[in-house]
């Protein structure tokens, strides 16, 4: 699990593989150990938030799915950490009103 997470997390910083990396993180965080590890990693969460700003529509959807899964599976602590991300609220609002454009 750790090796898959490391690869997916590093891939968030490389152009061209954002969509796949976010999709992989979504699958990883569906497992209890995965959400525990990814949910506390600031770089993974900030990378997913950054994807929601600048990536392709599919990449934005995958990033949102991963962030939502972290909140859903990670419990109150993960959700609280997520809500403290300053840009997340406006990005979610844009996504809901305009779609992943």
N, C-alpha and C. Protein backbone atom coordinates (compact mmCIF):
# COMPACT_ATOMS: atom_id res chain seq x y z
N UNK A 1 0.83 -1.18 0.00
CA UNK A 1 0.00 0.00 0.00
C UNK A 1 0.87 1.25 0.00
N UNK A 2 1.89 1.31 0.82
CA UNK A 2 2.74 2.48 0.93
C UNK A 2 3.44 2.81 -0.37
N UNK A 3 3.93 1.79 -1.07
CA UNK A 3 4.63 2.02 -2.33
C UNK A 3 3.68 2.59 -3.38
N UNK A 4 2.47 2.07 -3.47
CA UNK A 4 1.48 2.60 -4.41
C UNK A 4 1.16 4.04 -4.10
N UNK A 5 0.99 4.34 -2.82
CA UNK A 5 0.69 5.70 -2.42
C UNK A 5 1.83 6.63 -2.82
N UNK A 6 3.07 6.23 -2.55
CA UNK A 6 4.21 7.09 -2.89
C UNK A 6 4.27 7.38 -4.37
N UNK A 7 4.05 6.39 -5.18
CA UNK A 7 4.06 6.60 -6.63
C UNK A 7 2.95 7.54 -7.06
N UNK A 8 1.75 7.31 -6.55
CA UNK A 8 0.62 8.16 -6.92
C UNK A 8 0.83 9.59 -6.44
N UNK A 9 1.34 9.74 -5.24
CA UNK A 9 1.57 11.07 -4.69
C UNK A 9 2.62 11.83 -5.50
N UNK A 10 3.72 11.18 -5.84
CA UNK A 10 4.75 11.82 -6.65
C UNK A 10 4.23 12.15 -8.04
N UNK A 11 3.36 11.33 -8.57
CA UNK A 11 2.83 11.57 -9.91
C UNK A 11 1.97 12.82 -9.96
N UNK A 12 1.44 13.25 -8.83
CA UNK A 12 0.65 14.48 -8.83
C UNK A 12 1.47 15.67 -9.26
N UNK A 13 2.77 15.60 -9.12
CA UNK A 13 3.63 16.70 -9.52
C UNK A 13 4.11 16.63 -10.96
N UNK A 14 3.70 15.64 -11.72
CA UNK A 14 4.17 15.47 -13.09
C UNK A 14 3.02 15.67 -14.07
N UNK A 15 3.25 16.56 -15.01
CA UNK A 15 2.22 16.84 -16.01
C UNK A 15 1.94 15.60 -16.85
N UNK A 16 0.69 15.40 -17.21
CA UNK A 16 0.31 14.28 -18.07
C UNK A 16 -0.19 13.05 -17.34
N UNK A 17 0.03 12.98 -16.05
CA UNK A 17 -0.45 11.81 -15.31
C UNK A 17 -1.35 12.19 -14.14
N UNK A 18 -1.76 13.44 -14.10
CA UNK A 18 -2.60 13.90 -13.00
C UNK A 18 -3.88 13.08 -12.85
N UNK A 19 -4.57 12.87 -13.97
CA UNK A 19 -5.84 12.15 -13.92
C UNK A 19 -5.67 10.77 -13.31
N UNK A 20 -4.66 10.03 -13.78
CA UNK A 20 -4.44 8.68 -13.29
C UNK A 20 -4.01 8.68 -11.83
N UNK A 21 -3.18 9.65 -11.46
CA UNK A 21 -2.71 9.71 -10.07
C UNK A 21 -3.87 9.98 -9.12
N UNK A 22 -4.73 10.92 -9.48
CA UNK A 22 -5.88 11.21 -8.63
C UNK A 22 -6.83 10.02 -8.57
N UNK A 23 -7.01 9.34 -9.69
CA UNK A 23 -7.84 8.14 -9.69
C UNK A 23 -7.26 7.06 -8.81
N UNK A 24 -5.94 6.90 -8.86
CA UNK A 24 -5.28 5.90 -8.01
C UNK A 24 -5.43 6.26 -6.53
N UNK A 25 -5.26 7.55 -6.21
CA UNK A 25 -5.43 7.95 -4.82
C UNK A 25 -6.86 7.71 -4.34
N UNK A 26 -7.83 7.90 -5.21
CA UNK A 26 -9.22 7.63 -4.84
C UNK A 26 -9.38 6.17 -4.43
N UNK A 27 -8.78 5.27 -5.20
CA UNK A 27 -8.86 3.84 -4.87
C UNK A 27 -8.12 3.53 -3.57
N UNK A 28 -6.97 4.15 -3.39
CA UNK A 28 -6.16 3.90 -2.19
C UNK A 28 -6.89 4.35 -0.94
N UNK A 29 -7.53 5.52 -1.00
CA UNK A 29 -8.17 6.04 0.22
C UNK A 29 -9.47 5.34 0.56
N UNK A 30 -9.91 4.44 -0.29
CA UNK A 30 -11.09 3.63 0.06
C UNK A 30 -10.75 2.54 1.07
N UNK A 31 -9.46 2.30 1.26
CA UNK A 31 -9.00 1.33 2.24
C UNK A 31 -8.65 2.08 3.53
N UNK A 32 -8.96 1.52 4.69
CA UNK A 32 -8.71 2.23 5.95
C UNK A 32 -7.26 2.70 6.11
N UNK A 33 -6.31 1.87 5.80
CA UNK A 33 -4.90 2.28 5.95
C UNK A 33 -4.55 3.35 4.93
N UNK A 34 -5.14 3.27 3.76
CA UNK A 34 -4.88 4.26 2.71
C UNK A 34 -5.36 5.63 3.09
N UNK A 35 -6.58 5.72 3.59
CA UNK A 35 -7.11 7.02 3.98
C UNK A 35 -6.34 7.59 5.16
N UNK A 36 -5.89 6.72 6.04
CA UNK A 36 -5.11 7.17 7.19
C UNK A 36 -3.80 7.81 6.73
N UNK A 37 -3.13 7.18 5.78
CA UNK A 37 -1.84 7.67 5.30
C UNK A 37 -2.02 8.90 4.41
N UNK A 38 -2.88 8.81 3.42
CA UNK A 38 -3.06 9.90 2.46
C UNK A 38 -3.69 11.11 3.14
N UNK A 39 -4.66 10.89 3.99
CA UNK A 39 -5.37 11.99 4.64
C UNK A 39 -4.49 12.87 5.50
N UNK A 40 -3.39 12.33 6.01
CA UNK A 40 -2.50 13.16 6.84
C UNK A 40 -1.34 13.75 6.04
N UNK A 41 -1.19 13.35 4.80
CA UNK A 41 -0.11 13.86 3.96
C UNK A 41 -0.52 15.17 3.32
N UNK A 42 0.06 16.24 3.78
CA UNK A 42 -0.27 17.58 3.28
C UNK A 42 -0.02 17.69 1.78
N UNK A 43 1.06 17.09 1.29
CA UNK A 43 1.38 17.21 -0.13
C UNK A 43 0.33 16.54 -1.02
N UNK A 44 -0.22 15.44 -0.57
CA UNK A 44 -1.25 14.77 -1.37
C UNK A 44 -2.51 15.61 -1.42
N UNK A 45 -2.94 16.12 -0.29
CA UNK A 45 -4.14 16.94 -0.24
C UNK A 45 -3.93 18.23 -1.02
N UNK A 46 -2.81 18.91 -0.81
CA UNK A 46 -2.57 20.16 -1.54
C UNK A 46 -2.43 19.91 -3.04
N UNK A 47 -1.85 18.77 -3.42
CA UNK A 47 -1.75 18.42 -4.84
C UNK A 47 -3.12 18.20 -5.46
N UNK A 48 -4.02 17.54 -4.74
CA UNK A 48 -5.38 17.34 -5.23
C UNK A 48 -6.13 18.66 -5.36
N UNK A 49 -5.94 19.53 -4.39
CA UNK A 49 -6.58 20.85 -4.46
C UNK A 49 -6.03 21.63 -5.65
N UNK A 50 -4.75 21.57 -5.86
CA UNK A 50 -4.14 22.26 -7.01
C UNK A 50 -4.68 21.71 -8.33
N UNK A 51 -4.90 20.42 -8.39
CA UNK A 51 -5.48 19.82 -9.60
C UNK A 51 -6.85 20.39 -9.89
N UNK A 52 -7.61 20.67 -8.85
CA UNK A 52 -8.95 21.23 -9.06
C UNK A 52 -8.87 22.64 -9.66
N UNK A 53 -7.74 23.29 -9.53
CA UNK A 53 -7.55 24.62 -10.12
C UNK A 53 -7.16 24.56 -11.59
N UNK A 54 -6.27 23.63 -11.93
CA UNK A 54 -5.59 23.74 -13.22
C UNK A 54 -5.66 22.53 -14.13
N UNK A 55 -6.25 21.47 -13.74
CA UNK A 55 -6.16 20.25 -14.54
C UNK A 55 -7.30 20.15 -15.55
N UNK A 56 -7.30 19.06 -16.28
CA UNK A 56 -8.35 18.76 -17.25
C UNK A 56 -9.66 18.50 -16.52
N UNK A 57 -10.79 18.55 -17.23
CA UNK A 57 -12.06 18.24 -16.56
C UNK A 57 -12.05 16.87 -15.87
N UNK A 58 -11.51 15.84 -16.51
CA UNK A 58 -11.46 14.51 -15.90
C UNK A 58 -10.53 14.50 -14.69
N UNK A 59 -9.41 15.20 -14.78
CA UNK A 59 -8.50 15.30 -13.64
C UNK A 59 -9.15 15.98 -12.46
N UNK A 60 -9.94 17.04 -12.74
CA UNK A 60 -10.66 17.74 -11.67
C UNK A 60 -11.68 16.82 -11.01
N UNK A 61 -12.37 16.03 -11.82
CA UNK A 61 -13.35 15.09 -11.27
C UNK A 61 -12.66 14.05 -10.39
N UNK A 62 -11.54 13.53 -10.86
CA UNK A 62 -10.80 12.53 -10.07
C UNK A 62 -10.27 13.13 -8.77
N UNK A 63 -9.77 14.37 -8.84
CA UNK A 63 -9.26 15.04 -7.64
C UNK A 63 -10.38 15.23 -6.64
N UNK A 64 -11.53 15.68 -7.11
CA UNK A 64 -12.67 15.87 -6.23
C UNK A 64 -13.11 14.55 -5.61
N UNK A 65 -13.14 13.50 -6.41
CA UNK A 65 -13.52 12.18 -5.89
C UNK A 65 -12.56 11.74 -4.79
N UNK A 66 -11.26 11.97 -4.98
CA UNK A 66 -10.28 11.58 -3.96
C UNK A 66 -10.47 12.40 -2.69
N UNK A 67 -10.68 13.71 -2.83
CA UNK A 67 -10.89 14.56 -1.66
C UNK A 67 -12.16 14.16 -0.90
N UNK A 68 -13.22 13.88 -1.64
CA UNK A 68 -14.46 13.47 -0.99
C UNK A 68 -14.30 12.12 -0.29
N UNK A 69 -13.57 11.22 -0.90
CA UNK A 69 -13.35 9.91 -0.28
C UNK A 69 -12.51 10.04 0.99
N UNK A 70 -11.54 10.95 0.98
CA UNK A 70 -10.75 11.20 2.19
C UNK A 70 -11.68 11.69 3.30
N UNK A 71 -12.58 12.62 2.98
CA UNK A 71 -13.52 13.12 3.99
C UNK A 71 -14.45 12.02 4.46
N UNK A 72 -14.99 11.24 3.52
CA UNK A 72 -15.96 10.19 3.85
C UNK A 72 -15.33 9.08 4.68
N UNK A 73 -14.19 8.60 4.25
CA UNK A 73 -13.56 7.46 4.91
C UNK A 73 -12.66 7.86 6.07
N UNK A 74 -12.20 9.09 6.08
CA UNK A 74 -11.25 9.51 7.10
C UNK A 74 -11.87 10.02 8.38
N UNK A 75 -13.18 10.17 8.39
CA UNK A 75 -13.86 10.62 9.59
C UNK A 75 -13.76 12.11 9.82
N UNK A 76 -14.16 12.51 11.01
CA UNK A 76 -14.25 13.93 11.35
C UNK A 76 -12.90 14.63 11.30
N UNK A 77 -11.84 13.96 11.73
CA UNK A 77 -10.52 14.58 11.73
C UNK A 77 -10.05 14.93 10.33
N UNK A 78 -10.24 14.01 9.39
CA UNK A 78 -9.84 14.27 8.01
C UNK A 78 -10.68 15.38 7.40
N UNK A 79 -11.97 15.37 7.70
CA UNK A 79 -12.86 16.41 7.17
C UNK A 79 -12.47 17.78 7.73
N UNK A 80 -12.15 17.85 9.00
CA UNK A 80 -11.73 19.12 9.60
C UNK A 80 -10.46 19.64 8.96
N UNK A 81 -9.48 18.75 8.71
CA UNK A 81 -8.24 19.17 8.06
C UNK A 81 -8.53 19.69 6.65
N UNK A 82 -9.45 19.05 5.96
CA UNK A 82 -9.82 19.44 4.62
C UNK A 82 -10.44 20.83 4.61
N UNK A 83 -11.32 21.07 5.58
CA UNK A 83 -12.03 22.35 5.64
C UNK A 83 -11.10 23.52 5.96
N UNK A 84 -9.95 23.23 6.51
CA UNK A 84 -8.98 24.28 6.83
C UNK A 84 -8.18 24.72 5.61
N UNK A 85 -8.30 24.01 4.50
CA UNK A 85 -7.60 24.40 3.27
C UNK A 85 -8.28 25.64 2.72
N UNK A 86 -7.58 26.77 2.65
CA UNK A 86 -8.22 28.04 2.31
C UNK A 86 -8.91 28.07 0.94
N UNK A 87 -8.36 27.42 -0.05
CA UNK A 87 -8.92 27.51 -1.40
C UNK A 87 -10.01 26.51 -1.68
N UNK A 88 -10.16 25.52 -0.83
CA UNK A 88 -11.05 24.41 -1.14
C UNK A 88 -12.52 24.83 -1.27
N UNK A 89 -12.99 25.68 -0.41
CA UNK A 89 -14.41 26.08 -0.45
C UNK A 89 -14.76 26.75 -1.77
N UNK A 90 -13.94 27.68 -2.22
CA UNK A 90 -14.25 28.36 -3.48
C UNK A 90 -14.12 27.42 -4.67
N UNK A 91 -13.15 26.52 -4.64
CA UNK A 91 -13.00 25.56 -5.73
C UNK A 91 -14.20 24.63 -5.81
N UNK A 92 -14.67 24.16 -4.67
CA UNK A 92 -15.85 23.30 -4.65
C UNK A 92 -17.09 24.04 -5.15
N UNK A 93 -17.22 25.29 -4.76
CA UNK A 93 -18.36 26.08 -5.20
C UNK A 93 -18.30 26.26 -6.73
N UNK A 94 -17.15 26.61 -7.27
CA UNK A 94 -17.00 26.74 -8.73
C UNK A 94 -17.33 25.44 -9.43
N UNK A 95 -16.82 24.35 -8.89
CA UNK A 95 -17.04 23.03 -9.50
C UNK A 95 -18.53 22.71 -9.52
N UNK A 96 -19.21 22.99 -8.42
CA UNK A 96 -20.65 22.67 -8.35
C UNK A 96 -21.48 23.53 -9.29
N UNK A 97 -21.11 24.80 -9.45
CA UNK A 97 -21.91 25.69 -10.27
C UNK A 97 -21.55 25.66 -11.75
N UNK A 98 -20.28 25.41 -12.08
CA UNK A 98 -19.87 25.47 -13.49
C UNK A 98 -19.43 24.13 -14.05
N UNK A 99 -19.26 23.16 -13.18
CA UNK A 99 -18.76 21.86 -13.63
C UNK A 99 -17.24 21.88 -13.70
N UNK A 100 -16.65 20.79 -14.14
CA UNK A 100 -15.18 20.67 -14.14
C UNK A 100 -14.54 21.28 -15.38
N UNK A 101 -14.80 22.53 -15.66
CA UNK A 101 -14.27 23.19 -16.87
C UNK A 101 -12.88 23.71 -16.68
